[in-house]
Amino acid sequence: MGNSIKNVFDAILKYGHDEDFYPQDSDTFEPTDAPAGSPEKIEILRRRIEMGQPLWHNKDRSDFSGLTGAIRPRE
């Protein structure tokens, strides 16, 4: 049996924890107009984590106003 990680506790033992992580603002930390849950917003959040930035910007989009969605006609 290899040294595989089977749960979060194994990962913490192997890699440590993030309790001492403090996100840093930088010149590249900008708000996004991407709606919550969209692939674009998820990618932006992923990049923020990767760059050590806070997840949420206080000027990120906070609602769905002005957006349109696909409408399927009734059969």
PDB file of N, CA and C in Angstrom:
ATOM      1  N   MET A   1       0.846  -1.185   0.000  1.00  0.00           N
ATOM      2  CA  MET A   1       0.000   0.000   0.000  1.00  0.00           C
ATOM      3  C   MET A   1       0.886   1.241   0.000  1.00  0.00           C
ATOM      4  N   GLY A   2       0.595   2.195  -0.852  1.00  0.00           N
ATOM      5  CA  GLY A   2       1.412   3.395  -0.985  1.00  0.00           C
ATOM      6  C   GLY A   2       1.126   4.419   0.094  1.00  0.00           C
ATOM      7  N   ASN A   3       1.733   5.566  -0.049  1.00  0.00           N
ATOM      8  CA  ASN A   3       1.575   6.658   0.908  1.00  0.00           C
ATOM      9  C   ASN A   3       0.497   7.617   0.399  1.00  0.00           C
ATOM     10  N   SER A   4      -0.711   7.076   0.126  1.00  0.00           N
ATOM     11  CA  SER A   4      -1.774   7.918  -0.430  1.00  0.00           C
ATOM     12  C   SER A   4      -2.500   8.669   0.679  1.00  0.00           C
ATOM     13  N   ILE A   5      -3.045   9.796   0.296  1.00  0.00           N
ATOM     14  CA  ILE A   5      -3.818  10.619   1.228  1.00  0.00           C
ATOM     15  C   ILE A   5      -5.273  10.183   1.111  1.00  0.00           C
ATOM     16  N   LYS A   6      -5.845   9.760   2.227  1.00  0.00           N
ATOM     17  CA  LYS A   6      -7.206   9.232   2.213  1.00  0.00           C
ATOM     18  C   LYS A   6      -8.236  10.193   2.776  1.00  0.00           C
ATOM     19  N   ASN A   7      -7.783  11.205   3.524  1.00  0.00           N
ATOM     20  CA  ASN A   7      -8.734  12.158   4.100  1.00  0.00           C
ATOM     21  C   ASN A   7      -7.999  13.452   4.452  1.00  0.00           C
ATOM     22  N   VAL A   8      -8.748  14.416   4.936  1.00  0.00           N
ATOM     23  CA  VAL A   8      -8.188  15.728   5.242  1.00  0.00           C
ATOM     24  C   VAL A   8      -7.137  15.655   6.352  1.00  0.00           C
ATOM     25  N   PHE A   9      -7.297  14.732   7.265  1.00  0.00           N
ATOM     26  CA  PHE A   9      -6.331  14.612   8.360  1.00  0.00           C
ATOM     27  C   PHE A   9      -4.981  14.116   7.848  1.00  0.00           C
ATOM     28  N   ASP A  10      -5.006  13.175   6.893  1.00  0.00           N
ATOM     29  CA  ASP A  10      -3.763  12.719   6.269  1.00  0.00           C
ATOM     30  C   ASP A  10      -3.077  13.880   5.538  1.00  0.00           C
ATOM     31  N   ALA A  11      -3.883  14.712   4.853  1.00  0.00           N
ATOM     32  CA  ALA A  11      -3.324  15.849   4.126  1.00  0.00           C
ATOM     33  C   ALA A  11      -2.675  16.846   5.084  1.00  0.00           C
ATOM     34  N   ILE A  12      -3.309  17.107   6.215  1.00  0.00           N
ATOM     35  CA  ILE A  12      -2.746  18.036   7.203  1.00  0.00           C
ATOM     36  C   ILE A  12      -1.445  17.481   7.762  1.00  0.00           C
ATOM     37  N   LEU A  13      -1.422  16.192   8.056  1.00  0.00           N
ATOM     38  CA  LEU A  13      -0.196  15.580   8.569  1.00  0.00           C
ATOM     39  C   LEU A  13       0.938  15.667   7.555  1.00  0.00           C
ATOM     40  N   LYS A  14       0.609  15.498   6.270  1.00  0.00           N
ATOM     41  CA  LYS A  14       1.646  15.518   5.230  1.00  0.00           C
ATOM     42  C   LYS A  14       2.074  16.937   4.851  1.00  0.00           C
ATOM     43  N   TYR A  15       1.108  17.845   4.687  1.00  0.00           N
ATOM     44  CA  TYR A  15       1.402  19.175   4.144  1.00  0.00           C
ATOM     45  C   TYR A  15       1.302  20.314   5.156  1.00  0.00           C
ATOM     46  N   GLY A  16       0.790  20.045   6.337  1.00  0.00           N
ATOM     47  CA  GLY A  16       0.594  21.118   7.304  1.00  0.00           C
ATOM     48  C   GLY A  16      -0.791  21.727   7.152  1.00  0.00           C
ATOM     49  N   HIS A  17      -1.017  22.837   7.813  1.00  0.00           N
ATOM     50  CA  HIS A  17      -2.316  23.501   7.780  1.00  0.00           C
ATOM     51  C   HIS A  17      -2.133  24.955   7.373  1.00  0.00           C
ATOM     52  N   ASP A  18      -3.246  25.636   7.209  1.00  0.00           N
ATOM     53  CA  ASP A  18      -3.191  27.031   6.769  1.00  0.00           C
ATOM     54  C   ASP A  18      -3.640  28.002   7.848  1.00  0.00           C
ATOM     55  N   GLU A  19      -3.573  27.613   9.114  1.00  0.00           N
ATOM     56  CA  GLU A  19      -4.035  28.486  10.186  1.00  0.00           C
ATOM     57  C   GLU A  19      -3.226  29.779  10.274  1.00  0.00           C
ATOM     58  N   ASP A  20      -2.004  29.757   9.786  1.00  0.00           N
ATOM     59  CA  ASP A  20      -1.163  30.952   9.823  1.00  0.00           C
ATOM     60  C   ASP A  20      -1.178  31.729   8.505  1.00  0.00           C
ATOM     61  N   PHE A  21      -2.086  31.371   7.601  1.00  0.00           N
ATOM     62  CA  PHE A  21      -2.172  32.046   6.302  1.00  0.00           C
ATOM     63  C   PHE A  21      -2.899  33.376   6.444  1.00  0.00           C
ATOM     64  N   TYR A  22      -2.282  34.414   5.958  1.00  0.00           N
ATOM     65  CA  TYR A  22      -2.901  35.741   5.932  1.00  0.00           C
ATOM     66  C   TYR A  22      -2.873  36.239   4.503  1.00  0.00           C
ATOM     67  N   PRO A  23      -4.042  36.331   3.835  1.00  0.00           N
ATOM     68  CA  PRO A  23      -4.073  36.783   2.448  1.00  0.00           C
ATOM     69  C   PRO A  23      -3.505  38.195   2.317  1.00  0.00           C
ATOM     70  N   GLN A  24      -2.898  38.456   1.187  1.00  0.00           N
ATOM     71  CA  GLN A  24      -2.270  39.750   0.937  1.00  0.00           C
ATOM     72  C   GLN A  24      -2.913  40.433  -0.265  1.00  0.00           C
ATOM     73  N   ASP A  25      -3.324  41.686  -0.092  1.00  0.00           N
ATOM     74  CA  ASP A  25      -3.783  42.480  -1.230  1.00  0.00           C
ATOM     75  C   ASP A  25      -2.573  42.836  -2.067  1.00  0.00           C
ATOM     76  N   SER A  26      -2.797  43.019  -3.352  1.00  0.00           N
ATOM     77  CA  SER A  26      -1.721  43.461  -4.238  1.00  0.00           C
ATOM     78  C   SER A  26      -2.334  44.294  -5.349  1.00  0.00           C
ATOM     79  N   ASP A  27      -1.502  44.775  -6.251  1.00  0.00           N
ATOM     80  CA  ASP A  27      -1.996  45.576  -7.373  1.00  0.00           C
ATOM     81  C   ASP A  27      -2.910  44.762  -8.281  1.00  0.00           C
ATOM     82  N   THR A  28      -2.771  43.435  -8.257  1.00  0.00           N
ATOM     83  CA  THR A  28      -3.586  42.595  -9.124  1.00  0.00           C
ATOM     84  C   THR A  28      -4.885  42.154  -8.450  1.00  0.00           C
ATOM     85  N   PHE A  29      -5.122  42.561  -7.203  1.00  0.00           N
ATOM     86  CA  PHE A  29      -6.352  42.204  -6.500  1.00  0.00           C
ATOM     87  C   PHE A  29      -7.428  43.205  -6.874  1.00  0.00           C
ATOM     88  N   GLU A  30      -8.276  42.812  -7.825  1.00  0.00           N
ATOM     89  CA  GLU A  30      -9.312  43.702  -8.343  1.00  0.00           C
ATOM     90  C   GLU A  30     -10.678  43.047  -8.200  1.00  0.00           C
ATOM     91  N   PRO A  31     -11.737  43.851  -8.126  1.00  0.00           N
ATOM     92  CA  PRO A  31     -13.083  43.285  -8.027  1.00  0.00           C
ATOM     93  C   PRO A  31     -13.488  42.627  -9.347  1.00  0.00           C
ATOM     94  N   THR A  32     -14.488  41.779  -9.282  1.00  0.00           N
ATOM     95  CA  THR A  32     -15.019  41.140 -10.479  1.00  0.00           C
ATOM     96  C   THR A  32     -16.520  41.370 -10.569  1.00  0.00           C
ATOM     97  N   ASP A  33     -17.012  41.432 -11.793  1.00  0.00           N
ATOM     98  CA  ASP A  33     -18.442  41.576 -12.036  1.00  0.00           C
ATOM     99  C   ASP A  33     -19.069  40.214 -12.340  1.00  0.00           C
ATOM    100  N   ALA A  34     -18.266  39.154 -12.265  1.00  0.00           N
ATOM    101  CA  ALA A  34     -18.772  37.810 -12.551  1.00  0.00           C
ATOM    102  C   ALA A  34     -19.807  37.414 -11.505  1.00  0.00           C
ATOM    103  N   PRO A  35     -20.926  36.845 -11.945  1.00  0.00           N
ATOM    104  CA  PRO A  35     -21.958  36.442 -10.980  1.00  0.00           C
ATOM    105  C   PRO A  35     -21.539  35.231 -10.158  1.00  0.00           C
ATOM    106  N   ALA A  36     -22.050  35.168  -8.953  1.00  0.00           N
ATOM    107  CA  ALA A  36     -21.754  34.054  -8.048  1.00  0.00           C
ATOM    108  C   ALA A  36     -22.110  32.725  -8.701  1.00  0.00           C
ATOM    109  N   GLY A  37     -21.231  31.749  -8.555  1.00  0.00           N
ATOM    110  CA  GLY A  37     -21.479  30.413  -9.081  1.00  0.00           C
ATOM    111  C   GLY A  37     -21.137  30.221 -10.537  1.00  0.00           C
ATOM    112  N   SER A  38     -20.814  31.305 -11.246  1.00  0.00           N
ATOM    113  CA  SER A  38     -20.480  31.170 -12.667  1.00  0.00           C
ATOM    114  C   SER A  38     -19.079  30.576 -12.812  1.00  0.00           C
ATOM    115  N   PRO A  39     -18.813  29.903 -13.929  1.00  0.00           N
ATOM    116  CA  PRO A  39     -17.460  29.378 -14.163  1.00  0.00           C
ATOM    117  C   PRO A  39     -16.400  30.479 -14.089  1.00  0.00           C
ATOM    118  N   GLU A  40     -16.741  31.667 -14.563  1.00  0.00           N
ATOM    119  CA  GLU A  40     -15.796  32.792 -14.510  1.00  0.00           C
ATOM    120  C   GLU A  40     -15.464  33.165 -13.061  1.00  0.00           C
ATOM    121  N   LYS A  41     -16.475  33.249 -12.201  1.00  0.00           N
ATOM    122  CA  LYS A  41     -16.248  33.610 -10.802  1.00  0.00           C
ATOM    123  C   LYS A  41     -15.430  32.534 -10.089  1.00  0.00           C
ATOM    124  N   ILE A  42     -15.747  31.279 -10.357  1.00  0.00           N
ATOM    125  CA  ILE A  42     -15.004  30.183  -9.742  1.00  0.00           C
ATOM    126  C   ILE A  42     -13.541  30.234 -10.158  1.00  0.00           C
ATOM    127  N   GLU A  43     -13.272  30.528 -11.412  1.00  0.00           N
ATOM    128  CA  GLU A  43     -11.885  30.639 -11.884  1.00  0.00           C
ATOM    129  C   GLU A  43     -11.176  31.814 -11.213  1.00  0.00           C
ATOM    130  N   ILE A  44     -11.863  32.919 -11.045  1.00  0.00           N
ATOM    131  CA  ILE A  44     -11.277  34.090 -10.374  1.00  0.00           C
ATOM    132  C   ILE A  44     -10.947  33.749  -8.923  1.00  0.00           C
ATOM    133  N   LEU A  45     -11.851  33.066  -8.227  1.00  0.00           N
ATOM    134  CA  LEU A  45     -11.591  32.663  -6.842  1.00  0.00           C
ATOM    135  C   LEU A  45     -10.405  31.709  -6.777  1.00  0.00           C
ATOM    136  N   ARG A  46     -10.313  30.783  -7.739  1.00  0.00           N
ATOM    137  CA  ARG A  46      -9.191  29.848  -7.777  1.00  0.00           C
ATOM    138  C   ARG A  46      -7.879  30.592  -7.934  1.00  0.00           C
ATOM    139  N   ARG A  47      -7.855  31.571  -8.851  1.00  0.00           N
ATOM    140  CA  ARG A  47      -6.628  32.356  -9.060  1.00  0.00           C
ATOM    141  C   ARG A  47      -6.277  33.191  -7.836  1.00  0.00           C
ATOM    142  N   ARG A  48      -7.278  33.740  -7.161  1.00  0.00           N
ATOM    143  CA  ARG A  48      -7.014  34.524  -5.950  1.00  0.00           C
ATOM    144  C   ARG A  48      -6.331  33.658  -4.899  1.00  0.00           C
ATOM    145  N   ILE A  49      -6.837  32.462  -4.695  1.00  0.00           N
ATOM    146  CA  ILE A  49      -6.210  31.558  -3.720  1.00  0.00           C
ATOM    147  C   ILE A  49      -4.785  31.246  -4.148  1.00  0.00           C
ATOM    148  N   GLU A  50      -4.622  30.917  -5.416  1.00  0.00           N
ATOM    149  CA  GLU A  50      -3.296  30.565  -5.939  1.00  0.00           C
ATOM    150  C   GLU A  50      -2.293  31.696  -5.729  1.00  0.00           C
ATOM    151  N   MET A  51      -2.767  32.938  -5.814  1.00  0.00           N
ATOM    152  CA  MET A  51      -1.882  34.098  -5.679  1.00  0.00           C
ATOM    153  C   MET A  51      -1.774  34.587  -4.236  1.00  0.00           C
ATOM    154  N   GLY A  52      -2.441  33.900  -3.293  1.00  0.00           N
ATOM    155  CA  GLY A  52      -2.358  34.283  -1.887  1.00  0.00           C
ATOM    156  C   GLY A  52      -3.188  35.502  -1.536  1.00  0.00           C
ATOM    157  N   GLN A  53      -4.187  35.798  -2.364  1.00  0.00           N
ATOM    158  CA  GLN A  53      -5.043  36.961  -2.134  1.00  0.00           C
ATOM    159  C   GLN A  53      -6.286  36.556  -1.344  1.00  0.00           C
ATOM    160  N   PRO A  54      -7.001  37.537  -0.787  1.00  0.00           N
ATOM    161  CA  PRO A  54      -8.285  37.219  -0.150  1.00  0.00           C
ATOM    162  C   PRO A  54      -9.254  36.662  -1.187  1.00  0.00           C
ATOM    163  N   LEU A  55     -10.175  35.822  -0.766  1.00  0.00           N
ATOM    164  CA  LEU A  55     -11.175  35.293  -1.696  1.00  0.00           C
ATOM    165  C   LEU A  55     -12.133  36.376  -2.176  1.00  0.00           C
ATOM    166  N   TRP A  56     -12.586  37.212  -1.264  1.00  0.00           N
ATOM    167  CA  TRP A  56     -13.655  38.163  -1.574  1.00  0.00           C
ATOM    168  C   TRP A  56     -13.127  39.588  -1.591  1.00  0.00           C
ATOM    169  N   HIS A  57     -13.480  40.328  -2.633  1.00  0.00           N
ATOM    170  CA  HIS A  57     -13.176  41.756  -2.740  1.00  0.00           C
ATOM    171  C   HIS A  57     -14.456  42.494  -2.357  1.00  0.00           C
ATOM    172  N   ASN A  58     -14.346  43.569  -1.603  1.00  0.00           N
ATOM    173  CA  ASN A  58     -15.570  44.251  -1.139  1.00  0.00           C
ATOM    174  C   ASN A  58     -16.354  44.902  -2.279  1.00  0.00           C
ATOM    175  N   LYS A  59     -15.801  44.944  -3.485  1.00  0.00           N
ATOM    176  CA  LYS A  59     -16.531  45.495  -4.628  1.00  0.00           C
ATOM    177  C   LYS A  59     -16.907  44.419  -5.653  1.00  0.00           C
ATOM    178  N   ASP A  60     -16.780  43.130  -5.295  1.00  0.00           N
ATOM    179  CA  ASP A  60     -17.257  42.060  -6.178  1.00  0.00           C
ATOM    180  C   ASP A  60     -18.760  42.190  -6.355  1.00  0.00           C
ATOM    181  N   ARG A  61     -19.267  41.679  -7.476  1.00  0.00           N
ATOM    182  CA  ARG A  61     -20.718  41.673  -7.709  1.00  0.00           C
ATOM    183  C   ARG A  61     -21.389  40.949  -6.551  1.00  0.00           C
ATOM    184  N   SER A  62     -22.461  41.516  -6.034  1.00  0.00           N
ATOM    185  CA  SER A  62     -23.156  40.905  -4.897  1.00  0.00           C
ATOM    186  C   SER A  62     -24.600  40.536  -5.218  1.00  0.00           C
ATOM    187  N   ASP A  63     -25.012  40.719  -6.468  1.00  0.00           N
ATOM    188  CA  ASP A  63     -26.381  40.374  -6.839  1.00  0.00           C
ATOM    189  C   ASP A  63     -26.423  39.896  -8.295  1.00  0.00           C
ATOM    190  N   PHE A  64     -27.606  39.611  -8.774  1.00  0.00           N
ATOM    191  CA  PHE A  64     -27.771  39.132 -10.143  1.00  0.00           C
ATOM    192  C   PHE A  64     -28.496  40.153 -11.020  1.00  0.00           C
ATOM    193  N   SER A  65     -28.578  41.403 -10.581  1.00  0.00           N
ATOM    194  CA  SER A  65     -29.303  42.410 -11.347  1.00  0.00           C
ATOM    195  C   SER A  65     -28.616  42.657 -12.691  1.00  0.00           C
ATOM    196  N   GLY A  66     -29.444  42.859 -13.703  1.00  0.00           N
ATOM    197  CA  GLY A  66     -28.931  43.149 -15.040  1.00  0.00           C
ATOM    198  C   GLY A  66     -28.501  41.927 -15.828  1.00  0.00           C
ATOM    199  N   LEU A  67     -28.631  40.740 -15.234  1.00  0.00           N
ATOM    200  CA  LEU A  67     -28.242  39.520 -15.941  1.00  0.00           C
ATOM    201  C   LEU A  67     -29.463  38.877 -16.579  1.00  0.00           C
ATOM    202  N   THR A  68     -29.254  38.180 -17.665  1.00  0.00           N
ATOM    203  CA  THR A  68     -30.329  37.420 -18.285  1.00  0.00           C
ATOM    204  C   THR A  68     -29.932  35.955 -18.317  1.00  0.00           C
ATOM    205  N   GLY A  69     -30.888  35.098 -18.274  1.00  0.00           N
ATOM    206  CA  GLY A  69     -30.622  33.669 -18.316  1.00  0.00           C
ATOM    207  C   GLY A  69     -31.337  33.033 -19.484  1.00  0.00           C
ATOM    208  N   ALA A  70     -30.958  31.819 -19.784  1.00  0.00           N
ATOM    209  CA  ALA A  70     -31.604  31.076 -20.863  1.00  0.00           C
ATOM    210  C   ALA A  70     -33.008  30.667 -20.421  1.00  0.00           C
ATOM    211  N   ILE A  71     -33.943  30.802 -21.342  1.00  0.00           N
ATOM    212  CA  ILE A  71     -35.320  30.424 -21.058  1.00  0.00           C
ATOM    213  C   ILE A  71     -35.687  29.289 -22.009  1.00  0.00           C
ATOM    214  N   ARG A  72     -36.123  28.173 -21.422  1.00  0.00           N
ATOM    215  CA  ARG A  72     -36.535  27.043 -22.248  1.00  0.00           C
ATOM    216  C   ARG A  72     -38.042  27.109 -22.448  1.00  0.00           C
ATOM    217  N   PRO A  73     -38.467  27.030 -23.689  1.00  0.00           N
ATOM    218  CA  PRO A  73     -39.926  27.058 -23.921  1.00  0.00           C
ATOM    219  C   PRO A  73     -40.585  25.783 -23.399  1.00  0.00           C
ATOM    220  N   ARG A  74     -41.823  25.918 -22.984  1.00  0.00           N
ATOM    221  CA  ARG A  74     -42.578  24.752 -22.524  1.00  0.00           C
ATOM    222  C   ARG A  74     -42.892  23.856 -23.708  1.00  0.00           C
ATOM    223  N   GLU A  75     -42.941  22.581 -23.439  1.00  0.00           N
ATOM    224  CA  GLU A  75     -43.244  21.631 -24.528  1.00  0.00           C
ATOM    225  C   GLU A  75     -44.719  21.437 -24.689  1.00  0.00           C
TER     226      GLU A  75
END
